[in-house]
């Protein structure tokens, strides 16, 4: 078992956001502002590592307690494991070399109404979700998808829905109250628990290697069923925060 005290965790914050340790975890806060800066508070275990050295692999269980300041925070927040698919770094300044890839993710994820984070039309893409993506590490048709983007976003999205496996379910818990969250990840199974109640069990399992991520920010991204791609920053007129406690990772095998 690995807990937050023994994990090699990195804290990041931008544009007035903050990450403060608490006796059993962290409080991540983004300030109230009408300015359009990118506000991020994040804790992770991978930012200084190349993807091939990300530490998380199945079988693995991640558990923690969490609560948020509101059920309608502009932007996104959540916790889980992913491969940092949108990370871009050319390796300067001591940073690892990293290019964008397709997503491999298993997480509890909250997305405001401006977001639409699914390649499929039959899965929830906003609100508070238990969500998982599984993508091949390389697929030659990715190049064709890139060529298609200027001509038919709808076709590109439909094609990505065949390359990227995904599953998700909406979570009805009051996120402003403390809840126990647990993610179970094996090679052929993903399971999500809220207060010992099974929320989602699926054969869609992300491919390793992954890294732990806990964050809150004010951005949105959408790839809609109509083929429209949108992204940007949201105003947060009120301070927003996410508190997490009792972070534990159990591995076996």
C-alpha atoms as a PDB file:
ATOM      1  CA  UNK A   1       0.000   0.000   0.000  1.00  0.00           C
ATOM      2  CA  UNK A   2       1.193   3.508  -0.871  1.00  0.00           C
ATOM      3  CA  UNK A   3      -0.382   6.567   0.742  1.00  0.00           C
ATOM      4  CA  UNK A   4      -0.052  10.275   0.050  1.00  0.00           C
ATOM      5  CA  UNK A   5       2.716  10.672   2.607  1.00  0.00           C
ATOM      6  CA  UNK A   6       4.992   8.195   0.811  1.00  0.00           C
ATOM      7  CA  UNK A   7       4.071   9.026  -2.820  1.00  0.00           C
ATOM      8  CA  UNK A   8       6.387  11.189  -4.884  1.00  0.00           C
ATOM      9  CA  UNK A   9       3.778  13.878  -5.585  1.00  0.00           C
ATOM     10  CA  UNK A  10       4.302  17.170  -7.408  1.00  0.00           C
ATOM     11  CA  UNK A  11       2.201  20.286  -6.851  1.00  0.00           C
ATOM     12  CA  UNK A  12       1.442  22.798  -9.606  1.00  0.00           C
ATOM     13  CA  UNK A  13      -0.607  25.998  -9.628  1.00  0.00           C
ATOM     14  CA  UNK A  14      -1.152  28.802 -12.149  1.00  0.00           C
ATOM     15  CA  UNK A  15      -2.603  32.316 -12.094  1.00  0.00           C
ATOM     16  CA  UNK A  16      -3.368  32.629  -8.395  1.00  0.00           C
ATOM     17  CA  UNK A  17      -4.449  29.036  -7.836  1.00  0.00           C
ATOM     18  CA  UNK A  18      -2.976  27.144  -4.896  1.00  0.00           C
ATOM     19  CA  UNK A  19      -2.324  23.674  -3.512  1.00  0.00           C
ATOM     20  CA  UNK A  20      -2.018  23.426   0.275  1.00  0.00           C
ATOM     21  CA  UNK A  21      -1.213  20.260   2.207  1.00  0.00           C
ATOM     22  CA  UNK A  22      -3.717  19.322   4.901  1.00  0.00           C
ATOM     23  CA  UNK A  23      -3.173  16.826   7.737  1.00  0.00           C
ATOM     24  CA  UNK A  24      -4.494  13.968   5.567  1.00  0.00           C
ATOM     25  CA  UNK A  25      -4.326  15.264   2.006  1.00  0.00           C
ATOM     26  CA  UNK A  26      -4.590  18.473  -0.022  1.00  0.00           C
ATOM     27  CA  UNK A  27      -6.829  21.468  -0.646  1.00  0.00           C
ATOM     28  CA  UNK A  28      -6.730  22.686  -4.264  1.00  0.00           C
ATOM     29  CA  UNK A  29      -8.150  26.176  -4.850  1.00  0.00           C
ATOM     30  CA  UNK A  30      -8.699  28.474  -7.819  1.00  0.00           C
ATOM     31  CA  UNK A  31      -9.535  32.087  -6.947  1.00  0.00           C
ATOM     32  CA  UNK A  32     -12.577  34.060  -8.056  1.00  0.00           C
ATOM     33  CA  UNK A  33     -11.721  36.087 -11.147  1.00  0.00           C
ATOM     34  CA  UNK A  34     -13.273  37.591 -14.273  1.00  0.00           C
ATOM     35  CA  UNK A  35      -9.931  37.511 -16.093  1.00  0.00           C
ATOM     36  CA  UNK A  36      -9.308  34.906 -18.772  1.00  0.00           C
ATOM     37  CA  UNK A  37      -6.097  33.433 -17.414  1.00  0.00           C
ATOM     38  CA  UNK A  38      -5.665  29.690 -17.077  1.00  0.00           C
ATOM     39  CA  UNK A  39      -6.191  28.806 -13.413  1.00  0.00           C
ATOM     40  CA  UNK A  40      -5.030  25.345 -12.390  1.00  0.00           C
ATOM     41  CA  UNK A  41      -4.326  23.651  -9.080  1.00  0.00           C
ATOM     42  CA  UNK A  42      -2.952  20.129  -9.496  1.00  0.00           C
ATOM     43  CA  UNK A  43      -1.242  17.276  -7.692  1.00  0.00           C
ATOM     44  CA  UNK A  44       0.324  14.509  -9.769  1.00  0.00           C
ATOM     45  CA  UNK A  45       3.081  11.914  -9.763  1.00  0.00           C
ATOM     46  CA  UNK A  46       4.185  12.057 -13.404  1.00  0.00           C
ATOM     47  CA  UNK A  47       4.966  15.609 -14.545  1.00  0.00           C
ATOM     48  CA  UNK A  48       8.760  15.126 -14.429  1.00  0.00           C
ATOM     49  CA  UNK A  49       8.668  11.668 -16.003  1.00  0.00           C
ATOM     50  CA  UNK A  50       8.584  10.472 -19.607  1.00  0.00           C
ATOM     51  CA  UNK A  51       5.487   8.398 -20.380  1.00  0.00           C
ATOM     52  CA  UNK A  52       7.445   5.142 -20.446  1.00  0.00           C
ATOM     53  CA  UNK A  53       8.341   5.769 -16.777  1.00  0.00           C
ATOM     54  CA  UNK A  54       4.838   6.588 -15.515  1.00  0.00           C
ATOM     55  CA  UNK A  55       4.476   4.585 -12.290  1.00  0.00           C
ATOM     56  CA  UNK A  56       0.924   3.154 -12.370  1.00  0.00           C
ATOM     57  CA  UNK A  57       0.152  -0.243 -13.854  1.00  0.00           C
ATOM     58  CA  UNK A  58      -2.573  -2.826 -13.193  1.00  0.00           C
ATOM     59  CA  UNK A  59      -3.681  -4.481 -11.021  1.00  0.00           C
ATOM     60  CA  UNK A  60      -4.167  -1.379  -8.913  1.00  0.00           C
ATOM     61  CA  UNK A  61      -6.732   0.142  -6.548  1.00  0.00           C
ATOM     62  CA  UNK A  62      -6.896   3.904  -5.942  1.00  0.00           C
ATOM     63  CA  UNK A  63      -8.997   5.179  -3.055  1.00  0.00           C
ATOM     64  CA  UNK A  64      -9.532   8.586  -1.490  1.00  0.00           C
ATOM     65  CA  UNK A  65     -12.087  10.842   0.188  1.00  0.00           C
ATOM     66  CA  UNK A  66     -13.121  14.058  -1.545  1.00  0.00           C
ATOM     67  CA  UNK A  67     -15.504  16.991  -1.554  1.00  0.00           C
ATOM     68  CA  UNK A  68     -15.852  20.084  -3.761  1.00  0.00           C
ATOM     69  CA  UNK A  69     -17.016  23.630  -3.094  1.00  0.00           C
ATOM     70  CA  UNK A  70     -19.973  23.457  -5.502  1.00  0.00           C
ATOM     71  CA  UNK A  71     -21.865  21.134  -7.826  1.00  0.00           C
ATOM     72  CA  UNK A  72     -21.488  23.646 -10.673  1.00  0.00           C
ATOM     73  CA  UNK A  73     -17.836  24.720 -10.774  1.00  0.00           C
ATOM     74  CA  UNK A  74     -16.942  26.292 -14.151  1.00  0.00           C
ATOM     75  CA  UNK A  75     -14.275  24.194 -15.844  1.00  0.00           C
ATOM     76  CA  UNK A  76     -13.214  20.693 -14.789  1.00  0.00           C
ATOM     77  CA  UNK A  77     -11.997  18.850 -11.723  1.00  0.00           C
ATOM     78  CA  UNK A  78     -11.427  15.265 -10.695  1.00  0.00           C
ATOM     79  CA  UNK A  79      -9.046  12.511  -9.674  1.00  0.00           C
ATOM     80  CA  UNK A  80      -7.783   9.278 -11.144  1.00  0.00           C
ATOM     81  CA  UNK A  81      -5.113   7.965 -13.498  1.00  0.00           C
ATOM     82  CA  UNK A  82      -4.195   8.926 -17.061  1.00  0.00           C
ATOM     83  CA  UNK A  83      -1.398   9.022 -19.639  1.00  0.00           C
ATOM     84  CA  UNK A  84      -1.361  12.840 -19.950  1.00  0.00           C
ATOM     85  CA  UNK A  85      -2.501  12.484 -23.593  1.00  0.00           C
ATOM     86  CA  UNK A  86      -2.469  16.193 -24.378  1.00  0.00           C
ATOM     87  CA  UNK A  87       0.933  16.815 -22.839  1.00  0.00           C
ATOM     88  CA  UNK A  88       3.390  18.577 -25.130  1.00  0.00           C
ATOM     89  CA  UNK A  89       7.028  19.100 -24.252  1.00  0.00           C
ATOM     90  CA  UNK A  90      10.130  19.173 -26.442  1.00  0.00           C
ATOM     91  CA  UNK A  91      12.392  18.326 -23.535  1.00  0.00           C
ATOM     92  CA  UNK A  92      13.800  21.780 -22.835  1.00  0.00           C
ATOM     93  CA  UNK A  93      14.460  23.077 -19.318  1.00  0.00           C
ATOM     94  CA  UNK A  94      14.821  19.613 -17.878  1.00  0.00           C
ATOM     95  CA  UNK A  95      11.286  18.598 -18.868  1.00  0.00           C
ATOM     96  CA  UNK A  96      10.688  15.151 -20.402  1.00  0.00           C
ATOM     97  CA  UNK A  97      10.042  14.925 -24.155  1.00  0.00           C
ATOM     98  CA  UNK A  98       6.314  14.368 -24.678  1.00  0.00           C
ATOM     99  CA  UNK A  99       3.985  14.567 -27.681  1.00  0.00           C
ATOM    100  CA  UNK A 100       0.163  14.280 -27.725  1.00  0.00           C
ATOM    101  CA  UNK A 101      -1.278  10.757 -27.945  1.00  0.00           C
ATOM    102  CA  UNK A 102      -4.692   9.132 -27.731  1.00  0.00           C
ATOM    103  CA  UNK A 103      -6.181   8.949 -24.209  1.00  0.00           C
ATOM    104  CA  UNK A 104      -5.820   6.137 -21.712  1.00  0.00           C
ATOM    105  CA  UNK A 105      -7.694   7.223 -18.622  1.00  0.00           C
ATOM    106  CA  UNK A 106      -9.589   5.925 -15.598  1.00  0.00           C
ATOM    107  CA  UNK A 107     -11.009   8.632 -13.341  1.00  0.00           C
ATOM    108  CA  UNK A 108     -13.852  10.405 -11.561  1.00  0.00           C
ATOM    109  CA  UNK A 109     -14.327  13.518 -13.653  1.00  0.00           C
ATOM    110  CA  UNK A 110     -16.505  16.611 -13.311  1.00  0.00           C
ATOM    111  CA  UNK A 111     -17.099  18.671 -16.471  1.00  0.00           C
ATOM    112  CA  UNK A 112     -19.143  21.875 -16.670  1.00  0.00           C
ATOM    113  CA  UNK A 113     -21.843  22.375 -19.307  1.00  0.00           C
ATOM    114  CA  UNK A 114     -19.492  23.842 -21.920  1.00  0.00           C
ATOM    115  CA  UNK A 115     -17.546  20.575 -22.014  1.00  0.00           C
ATOM    116  CA  UNK A 116     -18.344  17.599 -24.218  1.00  0.00           C
ATOM    117  CA  UNK A 117     -15.733  14.967 -23.475  1.00  0.00           C
ATOM    118  CA  UNK A 118     -16.791  11.843 -25.325  1.00  0.00           C
ATOM    119  CA  UNK A 119     -16.292  10.478 -28.828  1.00  0.00           C
ATOM    120  CA  UNK A 120     -19.642   8.708 -28.653  1.00  0.00           C
ATOM    121  CA  UNK A 121     -23.239   9.899 -28.614  1.00  0.00           C
ATOM    122  CA  UNK A 122     -24.551   7.265 -26.199  1.00  0.00           C
ATOM    123  CA  UNK A 123     -22.282   8.115 -23.243  1.00  0.00           C
ATOM    124  CA  UNK A 124     -22.515  11.040 -20.802  1.00  0.00           C
ATOM    125  CA  UNK A 125     -20.036  13.813 -21.594  1.00  0.00           C
ATOM    126  CA  UNK A 126     -20.791  16.432 -18.902  1.00  0.00           C
ATOM    127  CA  UNK A 127     -21.519  16.539 -15.199  1.00  0.00           C
ATOM    128  CA  UNK A 128     -19.900  14.249 -12.630  1.00  0.00           C
ATOM    129  CA  UNK A 129     -18.782  11.025 -14.274  1.00  0.00           C
ATOM    130  CA  UNK A 130     -17.033   7.745 -13.680  1.00  0.00           C
ATOM    131  CA  UNK A 131     -15.205   7.453 -16.995  1.00  0.00           C
ATOM    132  CA  UNK A 132     -12.579   5.335 -18.698  1.00  0.00           C
ATOM    133  CA  UNK A 133     -10.840   5.473 -22.101  1.00  0.00           C
ATOM    134  CA  UNK A 134      -8.686   2.801 -23.712  1.00  0.00           C
ATOM    135  CA  UNK A 135      -6.643   3.633 -26.811  1.00  0.00           C
ATOM    136  CA  UNK A 136      -3.953   1.849 -28.817  1.00  0.00           C
ATOM    137  CA  UNK A 137      -0.468   3.200 -28.284  1.00  0.00           C
ATOM    138  CA  UNK A 138      -0.185   3.720 -32.032  1.00  0.00           C
ATOM    139  CA  UNK A 139      -2.577   3.410 -34.917  1.00  0.00           C
ATOM    140  CA  UNK A 140      -1.601   4.299 -38.503  1.00  0.00           C
ATOM    141  CA  UNK A 141      -5.099   5.575 -39.226  1.00  0.00           C
ATOM    142  CA  UNK A 142      -4.444   8.426 -36.805  1.00  0.00           C
ATOM    143  CA  UNK A 143      -2.695  10.112 -39.697  1.00  0.00           C
ATOM    144  CA  UNK A 144      -5.795   9.746 -41.861  1.00  0.00           C
ATOM    145  CA  UNK A 145      -7.910  11.107 -39.059  1.00  0.00           C
ATOM    146  CA  UNK A 146      -5.683  14.177 -38.941  1.00  0.00           C
ATOM    147  CA  UNK A 147      -6.093  14.651 -42.685  1.00  0.00           C
ATOM    148  CA  UNK A 148      -9.856  14.339 -42.392  1.00  0.00           C
ATOM    149  CA  UNK A 149     -10.204  16.994 -39.707  1.00  0.00           C
ATOM    150  CA  UNK A 150     -10.290  20.032 -42.021  1.00  0.00           C
ATOM    151  CA  UNK A 151     -12.919  18.390 -44.229  1.00  0.00           C
ATOM    152  CA  UNK A 152     -15.284  16.437 -41.995  1.00  0.00           C
ATOM    153  CA  UNK A 153     -15.147  16.762 -38.229  1.00  0.00           C
ATOM    154  CA  UNK A 154     -18.167  14.446 -37.910  1.00  0.00           C
ATOM    155  CA  UNK A 155     -16.372  11.669 -39.815  1.00  0.00           C
ATOM    156  CA  UNK A 156     -13.225  12.190 -37.776  1.00  0.00           C
ATOM    157  CA  UNK A 157     -15.172  11.956 -34.520  1.00  0.00           C
ATOM    158  CA  UNK A 158     -16.974   8.833 -35.715  1.00  0.00           C
ATOM    159  CA  UNK A 159     -13.681   7.237 -36.663  1.00  0.00           C
ATOM    160  CA  UNK A 160     -12.133   8.073 -33.297  1.00  0.00           C
ATOM    161  CA  UNK A 161     -15.115   6.402 -31.634  1.00  0.00           C
ATOM    162  CA  UNK A 162     -13.981   3.146 -33.304  1.00  0.00           C
ATOM    163  CA  UNK A 163     -10.317   3.564 -32.352  1.00  0.00           C
ATOM    164  CA  UNK A 164     -10.862   4.691 -28.752  1.00  0.00           C
ATOM    165  CA  UNK A 165     -12.894   2.437 -26.468  1.00  0.00           C
ATOM    166  CA  UNK A 166     -14.743   4.274 -23.728  1.00  0.00           C
ATOM    167  CA  UNK A 167     -17.339   3.809 -21.036  1.00  0.00           C
ATOM    168  CA  UNK A 168     -18.883   6.226 -18.567  1.00  0.00           C
ATOM    169  CA  UNK A 169     -21.788   6.717 -16.207  1.00  0.00           C
ATOM    170  CA  UNK A 170     -23.184   9.794 -14.476  1.00  0.00           C
ATOM    171  CA  UNK A 171     -22.709   9.943 -10.696  1.00  0.00           C
ATOM    172  CA  UNK A 172     -25.567  11.421  -8.657  1.00  0.00           C
ATOM    173  CA  UNK A 173     -23.654  11.957  -5.384  1.00  0.00           C
ATOM    174  CA  UNK A 174     -23.709  15.394  -3.746  1.00  0.00           C
ATOM    175  CA  UNK A 175     -20.090  16.324  -4.435  1.00  0.00           C
ATOM    176  CA  UNK A 176     -20.107  19.080  -1.788  1.00  0.00           C
ATOM    177  CA  UNK A 177     -20.226  16.373   0.898  1.00  0.00           C
ATOM    178  CA  UNK A 178     -17.423  13.991   1.812  1.00  0.00           C
ATOM    179  CA  UNK A 179     -17.589  10.698  -0.060  1.00  0.00           C
ATOM    180  CA  UNK A 180     -15.296   7.708  -0.334  1.00  0.00           C
ATOM    181  CA  UNK A 181     -14.235   7.016  -3.914  1.00  0.00           C
ATOM    182  CA  UNK A 182     -12.470   3.892  -5.165  1.00  0.00           C
ATOM    183  CA  UNK A 183     -11.156   2.889  -8.587  1.00  0.00           C
ATOM    184  CA  UNK A 184     -10.202  -0.714  -9.321  1.00  0.00           C
ATOM    185  CA  UNK A 185      -8.077  -1.205 -12.437  1.00  0.00           C
ATOM    186  CA  UNK A 186      -7.020  -4.520 -13.920  1.00  0.00           C
ATOM    187  CA  UNK A 187      -5.981  -5.491 -17.436  1.00  0.00           C
ATOM    188  CA  UNK A 188      -9.527  -6.438 -18.457  1.00  0.00           C
ATOM    189  CA  UNK A 189     -11.723  -4.558 -15.982  1.00  0.00           C
ATOM    190  CA  UNK A 190     -12.399  -1.097 -14.619  1.00  0.00           C
ATOM    191  CA  UNK A 191     -14.660  -0.583 -11.606  1.00  0.00           C
ATOM    192  CA  UNK A 192     -15.759   2.577  -9.801  1.00  0.00           C
ATOM    193  CA  UNK A 193     -17.165   2.693  -6.278  1.00  0.00           C
ATOM    194  CA  UNK A 194     -18.780   5.552  -4.338  1.00  0.00           C
ATOM    195  CA  UNK A 195     -19.273   4.914  -0.611  1.00  0.00           C
ATOM    196  CA  UNK A 196     -19.001   1.151  -1.199  1.00  0.00           C
ATOM    197  CA  UNK A 197     -21.697   1.241  -3.895  1.00  0.00           C
ATOM    198  CA  UNK A 198     -20.629   0.043  -7.342  1.00  0.00           C
ATOM    199  CA  UNK A 199     -21.193   2.870  -9.839  1.00  0.00           C
ATOM    200  CA  UNK A 200     -19.668   1.328 -12.974  1.00  0.00           C
ATOM    201  CA  UNK A 201     -18.053  -1.971 -13.911  1.00  0.00           C
ATOM    202  CA  UNK A 202     -16.785  -2.331 -17.465  1.00  0.00           C
ATOM    203  CA  UNK A 203     -14.394  -4.333 -19.627  1.00  0.00           C
ATOM    204  CA  UNK A 204     -12.965  -1.068 -20.997  1.00  0.00           C
ATOM    205  CA  UNK A 205      -9.574  -0.842 -19.321  1.00  0.00           C
ATOM    206  CA  UNK A 206      -6.914   1.786 -20.098  1.00  0.00           C
ATOM    207  CA  UNK A 207      -3.542   0.637 -21.297  1.00  0.00           C
ATOM    208  CA  UNK A 208      -0.579   1.233 -18.977  1.00  0.00           C
ATOM    209  CA  UNK A 209       1.486   3.103 -18.043  1.00  0.00           C
ATOM    210  CA  UNK A 210      -0.510   5.817 -16.226  1.00  0.00           C
ATOM    211  CA  UNK A 211       0.027   8.451 -13.541  1.00  0.00           C
ATOM    212  CA  UNK A 212      -2.019   9.737 -10.618  1.00  0.00           C
ATOM    213  CA  UNK A 213      -3.779  13.067 -11.209  1.00  0.00           C
ATOM    214  CA  UNK A 214      -5.857  15.302  -8.887  1.00  0.00           C
ATOM    215  CA  UNK A 215      -6.849  18.728 -10.219  1.00  0.00           C
ATOM    216  CA  UNK A 216      -9.257  21.639 -10.532  1.00  0.00           C
ATOM    217  CA  UNK A 217      -9.150  24.221 -13.337  1.00  0.00           C
ATOM    218  CA  UNK A 218     -11.251  26.731 -15.294  1.00  0.00           C
ATOM    219  CA  UNK A 219     -10.937  25.389 -18.830  1.00  0.00           C
ATOM    220  CA  UNK A 220     -13.361  23.552 -21.093  1.00  0.00           C
ATOM    221  CA  UNK A 221     -13.057  21.383 -24.187  1.00  0.00           C
ATOM    222  CA  UNK A 222     -15.718  19.916 -26.454  1.00  0.00           C
ATOM    223  CA  UNK A 223     -15.892  17.675 -29.524  1.00  0.00           C
ATOM    224  CA  UNK A 224     -19.636  17.632 -30.118  1.00  0.00           C
ATOM    225  CA  UNK A 225     -21.792  15.143 -32.059  1.00  0.00           C
ATOM    226  CA  UNK A 226     -22.195  17.921 -34.655  1.00  0.00           C
ATOM    227  CA  UNK A 227     -18.453  17.787 -35.282  1.00  0.00           C
ATOM    228  CA  UNK A 228     -17.644  21.118 -33.610  1.00  0.00           C
ATOM    229  CA  UNK A 229     -14.408  21.467 -31.658  1.00  0.00           C
ATOM    230  CA  UNK A 230     -14.402  24.109 -28.936  1.00  0.00           C
ATOM    231  CA  UNK A 231     -12.038  24.942 -26.107  1.00  0.00           C
ATOM    232  CA  UNK A 232     -11.328  27.876 -23.882  1.00  0.00           C
ATOM    233  CA  UNK A 233     -11.411  29.332 -20.392  1.00  0.00           C
ATOM    234  CA  UNK A 234     -14.394  30.002 -18.153  1.00  0.00           C
ATOM    235  CA  UNK A 235     -14.930  32.841 -15.710  1.00  0.00           C
ATOM    236  CA  UNK A 236     -15.278  31.668 -12.142  1.00  0.00           C
ATOM    237  CA  UNK A 237     -17.022  34.393 -10.188  1.00  0.00           C
ATOM    238  CA  UNK A 238     -16.629  32.483  -6.930  1.00  0.00           C
ATOM    239  CA  UNK A 239     -13.630  30.823  -5.378  1.00  0.00           C
ATOM    240  CA  UNK A 240     -13.685  27.101  -6.171  1.00  0.00           C
ATOM    241  CA  UNK A 241     -11.894  24.320  -4.341  1.00  0.00           C
ATOM    242  CA  UNK A 242     -11.436  20.570  -4.142  1.00  0.00           C
ATOM    243  CA  UNK A 243     -10.374  18.803  -0.955  1.00  0.00           C
ATOM    244  CA  UNK A 244      -8.960  15.260  -0.970  1.00  0.00           C
ATOM    245  CA  UNK A 245      -7.929  13.073   1.940  1.00  0.00           C
ATOM    246  CA  UNK A 246      -6.711   9.533   2.630  1.00  0.00           C
ATOM    247  CA  UNK A 247      -5.175   8.986  -0.818  1.00  0.00           C
ATOM    248  CA  UNK A 248      -4.044   5.370  -1.086  1.00  0.00           C
ATOM    249  CA  UNK A 249      -2.840   3.163  -3.909  1.00  0.00           C
ATOM    250  CA  UNK A 250      -2.754  -0.625  -3.501  1.00  0.00           C
ATOM    251  CA  UNK A 251      -0.943  -2.801  -6.008  1.00  0.00           C
ATOM    252  CA  UNK A 252      -0.614  -6.553  -6.355  1.00  0.00           C
ATOM    253  CA  UNK A 253       0.838  -9.035  -8.756  1.00  0.00           C
END
